[in-house]
Amino acid sequence: MAKTKFKKESIFKVIQIILFMLPLLICILMFTILPIVDTFSKSLQYHPYESNQTITAINFKNYEKVFIDPDFTSAILNSTMIMILGTGISILLAFVFAIIIETFIFKTARNVFLALIYSQFFISSFAVGVSFIFLFGPKNVFFRLFGFDGASFTTGTHKLPIWVYYSLFQIWRSLPFNLILFASAINKANSKYFKLMKNDNIRLFEKIKHIYIKEVSKVFFAIIFTNFIFASLLYPQAILDQTTFDFSTNKAHTITSFVLDFMGASGKIYNPQKAYAAAFFGFIYLLFLLLLMLVIRPSNIKKIIFKLKTIHLKRGSYV
């Protein structure tokens, strides 16, 4: 009887868990998995005759068209630099600033400073876009302030790579979020190991190496994933003056802008199948970059270094 009762309770708990998780699973299925599958299936539908859209062939011709398009090559380069350079610098700066804030600034001033920093995260992309156009657009206010009239991202004789501009925007948008999460993790570590650090008089470098990195690793996935969203959805038309700037000539497309262009966003030839192919490949590519950045997270790097040292010591013992 006791076993039967235990089984019934276990089954009831499992059913409860399933019922609680069901809405989330349905949402993931409807708004994530099905759109991805639908995008891939539509990307394989190729219309060999532009004059007759009723004739459809199933092949990879749309992908071939995407890969030979120079705009897509630029889009991949720009999106890659945003993801790796912009996100990498943002994470590094956020970690350094978080250590400075949590180590050298008094609690009251720290709370005010973090509140001011985080408030920038809620400023709309439109407002930030207007600021960026004013600073780095045709008026080139930023470079003129420092006497570099010829340097510019959009005009002039000495154009800087556009991916640098996008990376600056990525840093601007993601730094507050990254900083808050890092500061929270470091603050938690300080509270958790306060007595230990005080008694042993642990140096800052030792704190970072043995305590802070361990706590930061717990929020690293959330940081990387959020930055991945920022990078993959960056729409350059929001931070560039479309009336005076040609995206194709200046090799300024991102994956998002390239896809939306063929969905009719900028009046180009409407070619949804090509857009689907670019979107699916772009998704897989950015997902690969996301996984790559997760592999090189601090905890994994420490494990790799430890394994390499172990292998080296074992080899040395056999000599």
C-alpha atoms as a PDB file:
ATOM      1  CA  MET A   1       0.000   0.000   0.000  1.00  0.00           C
ATOM      2  CA  ALA A   2       2.828   2.377   0.908  1.00  0.00           C
ATOM      3  CA  LYS A   3       4.578   1.734  -2.413  1.00  0.00           C
ATOM      4  CA  THR A   4       1.328   2.306  -4.341  1.00  0.00           C
ATOM      5  CA  LYS A   5       0.733   5.574  -2.474  1.00  0.00           C
ATOM      6  CA  PHE A   6       4.311   6.692  -3.167  1.00  0.00           C
ATOM      7  CA  LYS A   7       3.916   5.913  -6.890  1.00  0.00           C
ATOM      8  CA  LYS A   8       0.652   7.872  -7.054  1.00  0.00           C
ATOM      9  CA  GLU A   9       2.267  10.876  -5.363  1.00  0.00           C
ATOM     10  CA  SER A  10       5.233  10.689  -7.751  1.00  0.00           C
ATOM     11  CA  ILE A  11       2.942  10.490 -10.794  1.00  0.00           C
ATOM     12  CA  PHE A  12       0.893  13.425  -9.462  1.00  0.00           C
ATOM     13  CA  LYS A  13       4.063  15.525  -9.001  1.00  0.00           C
ATOM     14  CA  VAL A  14       5.240  14.675 -12.523  1.00  0.00           C
ATOM     15  CA  ILE A  15       1.834  15.678 -13.931  1.00  0.00           C
ATOM     16  CA  GLN A  16       1.990  18.946 -11.964  1.00  0.00           C
ATOM     17  CA  ILE A  17       5.441  19.731 -13.358  1.00  0.00           C
ATOM     18  CA  ILE A  18       4.290  18.951 -16.909  1.00  0.00           C
ATOM     19  CA  LEU A  19       1.210  21.176 -16.518  1.00  0.00           C
ATOM     20  CA  PHE A  20       3.331  24.040 -15.169  1.00  0.00           C
ATOM     21  CA  MET A  21       5.866  23.652 -17.975  1.00  0.00           C
ATOM     22  CA  LEU A  22       3.305  23.110 -20.742  1.00  0.00           C
ATOM     23  CA  PRO A  23       2.569  26.827 -21.461  1.00  0.00           C
ATOM     24  CA  LEU A  24       6.309  27.538 -21.736  1.00  0.00           C
ATOM     25  CA  LEU A  25       6.888  24.521 -23.980  1.00  0.00           C
ATOM     26  CA  ILE A  26       3.965  25.533 -26.216  1.00  0.00           C
ATOM     27  CA  CYS A  27       5.363  29.082 -26.505  1.00  0.00           C
ATOM     28  CA  ILE A  28       8.837  27.752 -27.358  1.00  0.00           C
ATOM     29  CA  LEU A  29       7.320  25.441 -29.957  1.00  0.00           C
ATOM     30  CA  MET A  30       5.097  28.127 -31.526  1.00  0.00           C
ATOM     31  CA  PHE A  31       7.434  31.117 -31.432  1.00  0.00           C
ATOM     32  CA  THR A  32      10.885  29.508 -31.738  1.00  0.00           C
ATOM     33  CA  ILE A  33      11.011  25.983 -33.153  1.00  0.00           C
ATOM     34  CA  LEU A  34       8.179  26.199 -35.707  1.00  0.00           C
ATOM     35  CA  PRO A  35       9.362  29.558 -37.184  1.00  0.00           C
ATOM     36  CA  ILE A  36      12.889  28.136 -37.596  1.00  0.00           C
ATOM     37  CA  VAL A  37      11.568  24.996 -39.322  1.00  0.00           C
ATOM     38  CA  ASP A  38       9.217  27.094 -41.471  1.00  0.00           C
ATOM     39  CA  THR A  39      12.050  29.446 -42.472  1.00  0.00           C
ATOM     40  CA  PHE A  40      14.251  26.531 -43.510  1.00  0.00           C
ATOM     41  CA  SER A  41      11.489  24.848 -45.537  1.00  0.00           C
ATOM     42  CA  LYS A  42      10.651  28.102 -47.345  1.00  0.00           C
ATOM     43  CA  SER A  43      14.333  28.787 -48.038  1.00  0.00           C
ATOM     44  CA  LEU A  44      14.425  25.601 -50.138  1.00  0.00           C
ATOM     45  CA  GLN A  45      11.575  26.766 -52.381  1.00  0.00           C
ATOM     46  CA  TYR A  46      13.190  28.161 -55.523  1.00  0.00           C
ATOM     47  CA  HIS A  47      11.344  29.852 -58.388  1.00  0.00           C
ATOM     48  CA  PRO A  48      13.400  29.236 -61.569  1.00  0.00           C
ATOM     49  CA  TYR A  49      11.249  31.634 -63.619  1.00  0.00           C
ATOM     50  CA  GLU A  50      10.761  35.136 -62.240  1.00  0.00           C
ATOM     51  CA  SER A  51       7.807  35.696 -64.559  1.00  0.00           C
ATOM     52  CA  ASN A  52       6.015  32.620 -63.216  1.00  0.00           C
ATOM     53  CA  GLN A  53       6.050  32.294 -59.438  1.00  0.00           C
ATOM     54  CA  THR A  54       3.740  29.257 -59.491  1.00  0.00           C
ATOM     55  CA  ILE A  55       6.563  26.956 -60.636  1.00  0.00           C
ATOM     56  CA  THR A  56       8.614  25.879 -57.625  1.00  0.00           C
ATOM     57  CA  ALA A  57      11.669  23.647 -57.285  1.00  0.00           C
ATOM     58  CA  ILE A  58      13.112  22.313 -54.032  1.00  0.00           C
ATOM     59  CA  ASN A  59      16.879  22.884 -53.933  1.00  0.00           C
ATOM     60  CA  PHE A  60      19.632  25.087 -52.482  1.00  0.00           C
ATOM     61  CA  LYS A  61      19.637  27.701 -55.274  1.00  0.00           C
ATOM     62  CA  ASN A  62      18.472  30.441 -52.895  1.00  0.00           C
ATOM     63  CA  TYR A  63      21.514  29.763 -50.712  1.00  0.00           C
ATOM     64  CA  GLU A  64      23.781  29.933 -53.775  1.00  0.00           C
ATOM     65  CA  LYS A  65      22.317  33.342 -54.660  1.00  0.00           C
ATOM     66  CA  VAL A  66      22.838  34.535 -51.098  1.00  0.00           C
ATOM     67  CA  PHE A  67      26.466  33.376 -50.923  1.00  0.00           C
ATOM     68  CA  ILE A  68      27.478  35.137 -54.156  1.00  0.00           C
ATOM     69  CA  ASP A  69      25.820  38.403 -53.113  1.00  0.00           C
ATOM     70  CA  PRO A  70      28.567  40.867 -52.010  1.00  0.00           C
ATOM     71  CA  ASP A  71      26.086  42.549 -49.654  1.00  0.00           C
ATOM     72  CA  PHE A  72      25.720  39.284 -47.740  1.00  0.00           C
ATOM     73  CA  THR A  73      29.498  38.949 -47.390  1.00  0.00           C
ATOM     74  CA  SER A  74      29.545  42.438 -45.865  1.00  0.00           C
ATOM     75  CA  ALA A  75      26.606  41.524 -43.627  1.00  0.00           C
ATOM     76  CA  ILE A  76      28.413  38.447 -42.293  1.00  0.00           C
ATOM     77  CA  LEU A  77      31.619  40.428 -41.642  1.00  0.00           C
ATOM     78  CA  ASN A  78      29.792  43.264 -39.876  1.00  0.00           C
ATOM     79  CA  SER A  79      27.626  40.953 -37.754  1.00  0.00           C
ATOM     80  CA  THR A  80      30.681  38.874 -36.813  1.00  0.00           C
ATOM     81  CA  MET A  81      32.629  41.945 -35.706  1.00  0.00           C
ATOM     82  CA  ILE A  82      29.642  43.198 -33.710  1.00  0.00           C
ATOM     83  CA  MET A  83      29.307  39.844 -31.980  1.00  0.00           C
ATOM     84  CA  ILE A  84      32.992  39.236 -31.281  1.00  0.00           C
ATOM     85  CA  LEU A  85      34.618  42.686 -31.067  1.00  0.00           C
ATOM     86  CA  GLY A  86      31.690  44.750 -29.758  1.00  0.00           C
ATOM     87  CA  THR A  87      30.502  42.121 -27.297  1.00  0.00           C
ATOM     88  CA  GLY A  88      34.044  41.167 -26.246  1.00  0.00           C
ATOM     89  CA  ILE A  89      35.060  44.759 -25.455  1.00  0.00           C
ATOM     90  CA  SER A  90      31.742  45.407 -23.703  1.00  0.00           C
ATOM     91  CA  ILE A  91      32.137  42.337 -21.466  1.00  0.00           C
ATOM     92  CA  LEU A  92      35.771  43.171 -20.652  1.00  0.00           C
ATOM     93  CA  LEU A  93      34.977  46.816 -19.806  1.00  0.00           C
ATOM     94  CA  ALA A  94      31.940  45.804 -17.760  1.00  0.00           C
ATOM     95  CA  PHE A  95      34.014  43.335 -15.725  1.00  0.00           C
ATOM     96  CA  VAL A  96      36.768  45.898 -15.040  1.00  0.00           C
ATOM     97  CA  PHE A  97      34.268  48.647 -14.128  1.00  0.00           C
ATOM     98  CA  ALA A  98      32.311  46.236 -11.904  1.00  0.00           C
ATOM     99  CA  ILE A  99      35.481  45.372  -9.947  1.00  0.00           C
ATOM    100  CA  ILE A 100      36.344  49.079  -9.555  1.00  0.00           C
ATOM    101  CA  ILE A 101      32.799  49.954  -8.449  1.00  0.00           C
ATOM    102  CA  GLU A 102      32.475  47.064  -5.979  1.00  0.00           C
ATOM    103  CA  THR A 103      36.006  47.475  -4.584  1.00  0.00           C
ATOM    104  CA  PHE A 104      36.788  51.191  -4.426  1.00  0.00           C
ATOM    105  CA  ILE A 105      33.452  53.062  -4.287  1.00  0.00           C
ATOM    106  CA  PHE A 106      31.343  53.518  -1.133  1.00  0.00           C
ATOM    107  CA  LYS A 107      28.006  51.691  -0.993  1.00  0.00           C
ATOM    108  CA  THR A 108      25.707  54.756  -1.303  1.00  0.00           C
ATOM    109  CA  ALA A 109      27.669  56.259  -4.196  1.00  0.00           C
ATOM    110  CA  ARG A 110      27.867  52.790  -5.774  1.00  0.00           C
ATOM    111  CA  ASN A 111      24.084  52.330  -5.737  1.00  0.00           C
ATOM    112  CA  VAL A 112      23.490  55.773  -7.266  1.00  0.00           C
ATOM    113  CA  PHE A 113      26.130  55.188  -9.931  1.00  0.00           C
ATOM    114  CA  LEU A 114      24.726  51.765 -10.899  1.00  0.00           C
ATOM    115  CA  ALA A 115      21.189  53.181 -11.038  1.00  0.00           C
ATOM    116  CA  LEU A 116      22.346  55.945 -13.395  1.00  0.00           C
ATOM    117  CA  ILE A 117      24.237  53.471 -15.584  1.00  0.00           C
ATOM    118  CA  TYR A 118      21.351  51.018 -15.767  1.00  0.00           C
ATOM    119  CA  SER A 119      18.828  53.760 -16.620  1.00  0.00           C
ATOM    120  CA  GLN A 120      20.661  54.147 -19.952  1.00  0.00           C
ATOM    121  CA  PHE A 121      19.676  50.560 -20.767  1.00  0.00           C
ATOM    122  CA  PHE A 122      16.019  51.623 -20.939  1.00  0.00           C
ATOM    123  CA  ILE A 123      16.615  54.505 -23.344  1.00  0.00           C
ATOM    124  CA  SER A 124      15.031  53.586 -26.663  1.00  0.00           C
ATOM    125  CA  SER A 125      17.132  52.572 -29.641  1.00  0.00           C
ATOM    126  CA  PHE A 126      15.548  55.476 -31.515  1.00  0.00           C
ATOM    127  CA  ALA A 127      16.938  58.020 -29.029  1.00  0.00           C
ATOM    128  CA  VAL A 128      20.366  56.384 -29.099  1.00  0.00           C
ATOM    129  CA  GLY A 129      20.183  56.264 -32.900  1.00  0.00           C
ATOM    130  CA  VAL A 130      19.507  59.998 -33.091  1.00  0.00           C
ATOM    131  CA  SER A 131      22.509  60.639 -30.826  1.00  0.00           C
ATOM    132  CA  PHE A 132      24.757  58.415 -32.927  1.00  0.00           C
ATOM    133  CA  ILE A 133      23.646  60.056 -36.191  1.00  0.00           C
ATOM    134  CA  PHE A 134      24.371  63.473 -34.649  1.00  0.00           C
ATOM    135  CA  LEU A 135      27.825  62.440 -33.376  1.00  0.00           C
ATOM    136  CA  PHE A 136      29.015  60.237 -36.241  1.00  0.00           C
ATOM    137  CA  GLY A 137      26.717  61.072 -39.173  1.00  0.00           C
ATOM    138  CA  PRO A 138      27.089  63.715 -41.918  1.00  0.00           C
ATOM    139  CA  LYS A 139      27.808  66.477 -39.362  1.00  0.00           C
ATOM    140  CA  ASN A 140      30.618  64.354 -37.884  1.00  0.00           C
ATOM    141  CA  VAL A 141      30.488  66.207 -34.558  1.00  0.00           C
ATOM    142  CA  PHE A 142      32.524  63.633 -32.596  1.00  0.00           C
ATOM    143  CA  PHE A 143      35.630  63.689 -34.793  1.00  0.00           C
ATOM    144  CA  ARG A 144      35.483  67.469 -35.276  1.00  0.00           C
ATOM    145  CA  LEU A 145      35.605  67.940 -31.498  1.00  0.00           C
ATOM    146  CA  PHE A 146      39.035  66.296 -31.513  1.00  0.00           C
ATOM    147  CA  GLY A 147      40.249  67.993 -34.696  1.00  0.00           C
ATOM    148  CA  PHE A 148      39.959  64.961 -36.989  1.00  0.00           C
ATOM    149  CA  ASP A 149      37.834  66.564 -39.701  1.00  0.00           C
ATOM    150  CA  GLY A 150      38.844  64.049 -42.383  1.00  0.00           C
ATOM    151  CA  ALA A 151      37.996  60.954 -40.316  1.00  0.00           C
ATOM    152  CA  SER A 152      34.453  59.631 -40.454  1.00  0.00           C
ATOM    153  CA  PHE A 153      32.370  56.463 -40.575  1.00  0.00           C
ATOM    154  CA  THR A 154      29.974  57.684 -43.259  1.00  0.00           C
ATOM    155  CA  THR A 155      31.543  60.556 -45.242  1.00  0.00           C
ATOM    156  CA  GLY A 156      34.889  62.173 -45.982  1.00  0.00           C
ATOM    157  CA  THR A 157      38.183  61.061 -47.470  1.00  0.00           C
ATOM    158  CA  HIS A 158      39.282  58.856 -44.564  1.00  0.00           C
ATOM    159  CA  LYS A 159      36.371  56.528 -43.930  1.00  0.00           C
ATOM    160  CA  LEU A 160      36.791  54.165 -41.019  1.00  0.00           C
ATOM    161  CA  PRO A 161      35.378  50.614 -41.256  1.00  0.00           C
ATOM    162  CA  ILE A 162      31.637  50.659 -40.637  1.00  0.00           C
ATOM    163  CA  TRP A 163      31.888  47.631 -38.323  1.00  0.00           C
ATOM    164  CA  VAL A 164      33.812  49.838 -35.876  1.00  0.00           C
ATOM    165  CA  TYR A 165      30.766  52.123 -35.763  1.00  0.00           C
ATOM    166  CA  TYR A 166      28.434  49.175 -35.191  1.00  0.00           C
ATOM    167  CA  SER A 167      30.731  47.804 -32.490  1.00  0.00           C
ATOM    168  CA  LEU A 168      30.621  51.163 -30.681  1.00  0.00           C
ATOM    169  CA  PHE A 169      26.833  51.004 -30.767  1.00  0.00           C
ATOM    170  CA  GLN A 170      26.901  47.427 -29.458  1.00  0.00           C
ATOM    171  CA  ILE A 171      29.158  48.514 -26.580  1.00  0.00           C
ATOM    172  CA  TRP A 172      26.921  51.497 -25.823  1.00  0.00           C
ATOM    173  CA  ARG A 173      23.767  49.371 -25.692  1.00  0.00           C
ATOM    174  CA  SER A 174      25.121  46.311 -23.882  1.00  0.00           C
ATOM    175  CA  LEU A 175      27.597  47.809 -21.388  1.00  0.00           C
ATOM    176  CA  PRO A 176      24.983  48.864 -18.759  1.00  0.00           C
ATOM    177  CA  PHE A 177      23.358  45.421 -18.765  1.00  0.00           C
ATOM    178  CA  ASN A 178      26.708  43.623 -18.555  1.00  0.00           C
ATOM    179  CA  LEU A 179      27.964  45.956 -15.840  1.00  0.00           C
ATOM    180  CA  ILE A 180      24.917  45.428 -13.611  1.00  0.00           C
ATOM    181  CA  LEU A 181      25.132  41.630 -13.833  1.00  0.00           C
ATOM    182  CA  PHE A 182      28.875  41.580 -13.182  1.00  0.00           C
ATOM    183  CA  ALA A 183      28.541  44.040 -10.280  1.00  0.00           C
ATOM    184  CA  SER A 184      25.745  41.929  -8.798  1.00  0.00           C
ATOM    185  CA  ALA A 185      27.849  38.751  -9.037  1.00  0.00           C
ATOM    186  CA  ILE A 186      30.912  40.430  -7.494  1.00  0.00           C
ATOM    187  CA  ASN A 187      28.795  41.991  -4.742  1.00  0.00           C
ATOM    188  CA  LYS A 188      27.385  38.552  -3.946  1.00  0.00           C
ATOM    189  CA  ALA A 189      30.913  37.128  -3.792  1.00  0.00           C
ATOM    190  CA  ASN A 190      32.043  39.934  -1.450  1.00  0.00           C
ATOM    191  CA  SER A 191      29.103  39.301   0.881  1.00  0.00           C
ATOM    192  CA  LYS A 192      29.576  35.537   0.788  1.00  0.00           C
ATOM    193  CA  TYR A 193      33.329  35.470   1.424  1.00  0.00           C
ATOM    194  CA  PHE A 194      33.755  38.743   3.361  1.00  0.00           C
ATOM    195  CA  LYS A 195      35.120  37.197   6.582  1.00  0.00           C
ATOM    196  CA  LEU A 196      37.403  34.811   4.724  1.00  0.00           C
ATOM    197  CA  MET A 197      38.881  37.575   2.548  1.00  0.00           C
ATOM    198  CA  LYS A 198      39.350  39.870   5.560  1.00  0.00           C
ATOM    199  CA  ASN A 199      40.991  37.231   7.779  1.00  0.00           C
ATOM    200  CA  ASP A 200      43.353  35.998   5.072  1.00  0.00           C
ATOM    201  CA  ASN A 201      44.008  39.503   3.714  1.00  0.00           C
ATOM    202  CA  ILE A 202      43.509  38.250   0.150  1.00  0.00           C
ATOM    203  CA  ARG A 203      44.913  40.494  -2.585  1.00  0.00           C
ATOM    204  CA  LEU A 204      42.689  41.827  -5.360  1.00  0.00           C
ATOM    205  CA  PHE A 205      44.279  39.599  -8.006  1.00  0.00           C
ATOM    206  CA  GLU A 206      43.638  36.507  -5.861  1.00  0.00           C
ATOM    207  CA  LYS A 207      40.031  37.613  -5.316  1.00  0.00           C
ATOM    208  CA  ILE A 208      39.519  37.917  -9.071  1.00  0.00           C
ATOM    209  CA  LYS A 209      41.208  34.609  -9.835  1.00  0.00           C
ATOM    210  CA  HIS A 210      39.666  32.406  -7.138  1.00  0.00           C
ATOM    211  CA  ILE A 211      36.387  34.109  -6.133  1.00  0.00           C
ATOM    212  CA  TYR A 212      35.057  36.656  -8.631  1.00  0.00           C
ATOM    213  CA  ILE A 213      35.513  34.548 -11.768  1.00  0.00           C
ATOM    214  CA  LYS A 214      33.677  31.669 -10.090  1.00  0.00           C
ATOM    215  CA  GLU A 215      30.651  33.869  -9.302  1.00  0.00           C
ATOM    216  CA  VAL A 216      30.748  35.639 -12.671  1.00  0.00           C
ATOM    217  CA  SER A 217      30.655  32.282 -14.476  1.00  0.00           C
ATOM    218  CA  LYS A 218      27.163  31.731 -13.053  1.00  0.00           C
ATOM    219  CA  VAL A 219      25.759  34.748 -14.924  1.00  0.00           C
ATOM    220  CA  PHE A 220      27.986  34.443 -17.987  1.00  0.00           C
ATOM    221  CA  PHE A 221      25.390  32.578 -20.061  1.00  0.00           C
ATOM    222  CA  ALA A 222      22.751  35.267 -19.418  1.00  0.00           C
ATOM    223  CA  ILE A 223      25.239  37.967 -20.437  1.00  0.00           C
ATOM    224  CA  ILE A 224      26.372  36.185 -23.600  1.00  0.00           C
ATOM    225  CA  PHE A 225      22.823  35.294 -24.639  1.00  0.00           C
ATOM    226  CA  THR A 226      21.536  38.861 -24.149  1.00  0.00           C
ATOM    227  CA  ASN A 227      24.499  40.288 -26.056  1.00  0.00           C
ATOM    228  CA  PHE A 228      23.812  37.732 -28.783  1.00  0.00           C
ATOM    229  CA  ILE A 229      20.267  39.128 -29.090  1.00  0.00           C
ATOM    230  CA  PHE A 230      21.621  42.698 -29.250  1.00  0.00           C
ATOM    231  CA  ALA A 231      24.154  41.782 -31.943  1.00  0.00           C
ATOM    232  CA  SER A 232      21.907  39.628 -34.110  1.00  0.00           C
ATOM    233  CA  LEU A 233      19.055  42.164 -34.158  1.00  0.00           C
ATOM    234  CA  LEU A 234      21.160  45.270 -34.787  1.00  0.00           C
ATOM    235  CA  TYR A 235      19.397  47.201 -37.552  1.00  0.00           C
ATOM    236  CA  PRO A 236      21.825  49.783 -39.016  1.00  0.00           C
ATOM    237  CA  GLN A 237      19.056  51.943 -40.480  1.00  0.00           C
ATOM    238  CA  ALA A 238      18.288  52.982 -36.888  1.00  0.00           C
ATOM    239  CA  ILE A 239      21.717  54.589 -36.432  1.00  0.00           C
ATOM    240  CA  LEU A 240      22.509  55.771 -39.971  1.00  0.00           C
ATOM    241  CA  ASP A 241      20.922  58.481 -42.081  1.00  0.00           C
ATOM    242  CA  GLN A 242      19.214  56.499 -44.862  1.00  0.00           C
ATOM    243  CA  THR A 243      18.707  59.578 -47.048  1.00  0.00           C
ATOM    244  CA  THR A 244      22.447  60.231 -47.515  1.00  0.00           C
ATOM    245  CA  PHE A 245      24.010  56.819 -46.917  1.00  0.00           C
ATOM    246  CA  ASP A 246      24.159  53.943 -49.415  1.00  0.00           C
ATOM    247  CA  PHE A 247      24.425  50.610 -47.598  1.00  0.00           C
ATOM    248  CA  SER A 248      25.592  48.551 -50.577  1.00  0.00           C
ATOM    249  CA  THR A 249      28.315  50.989 -51.676  1.00  0.00           C
ATOM    250  CA  ASN A 250      29.607  51.380 -48.120  1.00  0.00           C
ATOM    251  CA  LYS A 251      29.357  47.626 -47.357  1.00  0.00           C
ATOM    252  CA  ALA A 252      27.255  48.479 -44.337  1.00  0.00           C
ATOM    253  CA  HIS A 253      24.654  45.702 -44.188  1.00  0.00           C
ATOM    254  CA  THR A 254      24.155  43.441 -41.191  1.00  0.00           C
ATOM    255  CA  ILE A 255      22.353  40.104 -41.413  1.00  0.00           C
ATOM    256  CA  THR A 256      19.165  41.750 -40.130  1.00  0.00           C
ATOM    257  CA  SER A 257      19.202  44.587 -42.676  1.00  0.00           C
ATOM    258  CA  PHE A 258      20.094  42.208 -45.524  1.00  0.00           C
ATOM    259  CA  VAL A 259      17.142  39.942 -44.718  1.00  0.00           C
ATOM    260  CA  LEU A 260      14.682  42.812 -44.277  1.00  0.00           C
ATOM    261  CA  ASP A 261      15.779  44.402 -47.556  1.00  0.00           C
ATOM    262  CA  PHE A 262      14.603  41.337 -49.480  1.00  0.00           C
ATOM    263  CA  MET A 263      11.380  41.346 -47.492  1.00  0.00           C
ATOM    264  CA  GLY A 264      10.664  44.756 -49.030  1.00  0.00           C
ATOM    265  CA  ALA A 265      11.796  46.989 -46.146  1.00  0.00           C
ATOM    266  CA  SER A 266      13.811  49.418 -48.297  1.00  0.00           C
ATOM    267  CA  GLY A 267      11.980  49.130 -51.612  1.00  0.00           C
ATOM    268  CA  LYS A 268      14.354  46.543 -53.099  1.00  0.00           C
ATOM    269  CA  ILE A 269      13.209  43.628 -55.240  1.00  0.00           C
ATOM    270  CA  TYR A 270      10.844  41.547 -53.131  1.00  0.00           C
ATOM    271  CA  ASN A 271      12.437  38.110 -52.844  1.00  0.00           C
ATOM    272  CA  PRO A 272      11.235  36.345 -49.677  1.00  0.00           C
ATOM    273  CA  GLN A 273      12.861  33.001 -50.546  1.00  0.00           C
ATOM    274  CA  LYS A 274      16.283  34.647 -50.678  1.00  0.00           C
ATOM    275  CA  ALA A 275      15.474  36.407 -47.409  1.00  0.00           C
ATOM    276  CA  TYR A 276      14.529  33.067 -45.811  1.00  0.00           C
ATOM    277  CA  ALA A 277      17.819  31.510 -46.964  1.00  0.00           C
ATOM    278  CA  ALA A 278      19.833  34.438 -45.601  1.00  0.00           C
ATOM    279  CA  ALA A 279      17.872  34.412 -42.338  1.00  0.00           C
ATOM    280  CA  PHE A 280      18.341  30.689 -41.733  1.00  0.00           C
ATOM    281  CA  PHE A 281      22.042  30.681 -42.584  1.00  0.00           C
ATOM    282  CA  GLY A 282      22.545  33.842 -40.517  1.00  0.00           C
ATOM    283  CA  PHE A 283      20.782  32.232 -37.562  1.00  0.00           C
ATOM    284  CA  ILE A 284      22.963  29.095 -37.746  1.00  0.00           C
ATOM    285  CA  TYR A 285      26.113  31.194 -38.127  1.00  0.00           C
ATOM    286  CA  LEU A 286      25.325  33.497 -35.194  1.00  0.00           C
ATOM    287  CA  LEU A 287      24.351  30.475 -33.106  1.00  0.00           C
ATOM    288  CA  PHE A 288      27.784  29.015 -33.866  1.00  0.00           C
ATOM    289  CA  LEU A 289      29.417  32.257 -32.659  1.00  0.00           C
ATOM    290  CA  LEU A 290      27.275  32.145 -29.504  1.00  0.00           C
ATOM    291  CA  LEU A 291      28.357  28.575 -28.735  1.00  0.00           C
ATOM    292  CA  LEU A 292      31.982  29.505 -29.441  1.00  0.00           C
ATOM    293  CA  MET A 293      31.807  32.365 -26.938  1.00  0.00           C
ATOM    294  CA  LEU A 294      30.233  30.043 -24.367  1.00  0.00           C
ATOM    295  CA  VAL A 295      33.080  27.567 -24.839  1.00  0.00           C
ATOM    296  CA  ILE A 296      35.627  30.260 -23.958  1.00  0.00           C
ATOM    297  CA  ARG A 297      33.795  31.305 -20.774  1.00  0.00           C
ATOM    298  CA  PRO A 298      36.112  31.802 -17.738  1.00  0.00           C
ATOM    299  CA  SER A 299      35.253  28.489 -16.032  1.00  0.00           C
ATOM    300  CA  ASN A 300      35.935  26.514 -19.219  1.00  0.00           C
ATOM    301  CA  ILE A 301      39.238  28.305 -19.806  1.00  0.00           C
ATOM    302  CA  LYS A 302      40.304  27.425 -16.245  1.00  0.00           C
ATOM    303  CA  LYS A 303      39.391  23.765 -16.867  1.00  0.00           C
ATOM    304  CA  ILE A 304      41.350  23.706 -20.136  1.00  0.00           C
ATOM    305  CA  ILE A 305      44.418  25.280 -18.473  1.00  0.00           C
ATOM    306  CA  PHE A 306      44.165  22.800 -15.581  1.00  0.00           C
ATOM    307  CA  LYS A 307      43.948  19.826 -17.981  1.00  0.00           C
ATOM    308  CA  LEU A 308      46.911  21.093 -20.009  1.00  0.00           C
ATOM    309  CA  LYS A 309      48.976  21.478 -16.823  1.00  0.00           C
ATOM    310  CA  THR A 310      47.962  17.966 -15.717  1.00  0.00           C
ATOM    311  CA  ILE A 311      48.983  16.487 -19.084  1.00  0.00           C
ATOM    312  CA  HIS A 312      52.286  18.391 -18.944  1.00  0.00           C
ATOM    313  CA  LEU A 313      53.019  17.120 -15.419  1.00  0.00           C
ATOM    314  CA  LYS A 314      52.178  13.533 -16.399  1.00  0.00           C
ATOM    315  CA  ARG A 315      54.494  13.713 -19.401  1.00  0.00           C
ATOM    316  CA  GLY A 316      57.226  15.168 -17.205  1.00  0.00           C
ATOM    317  CA  SER A 317      56.894  12.323 -14.697  1.00  0.00           C
ATOM    318  CA  TYR A 318      57.491   9.727 -17.441  1.00  0.00           C
ATOM    319  CA  VAL A 319      60.686  11.389 -18.675  1.00  0.00           C
END
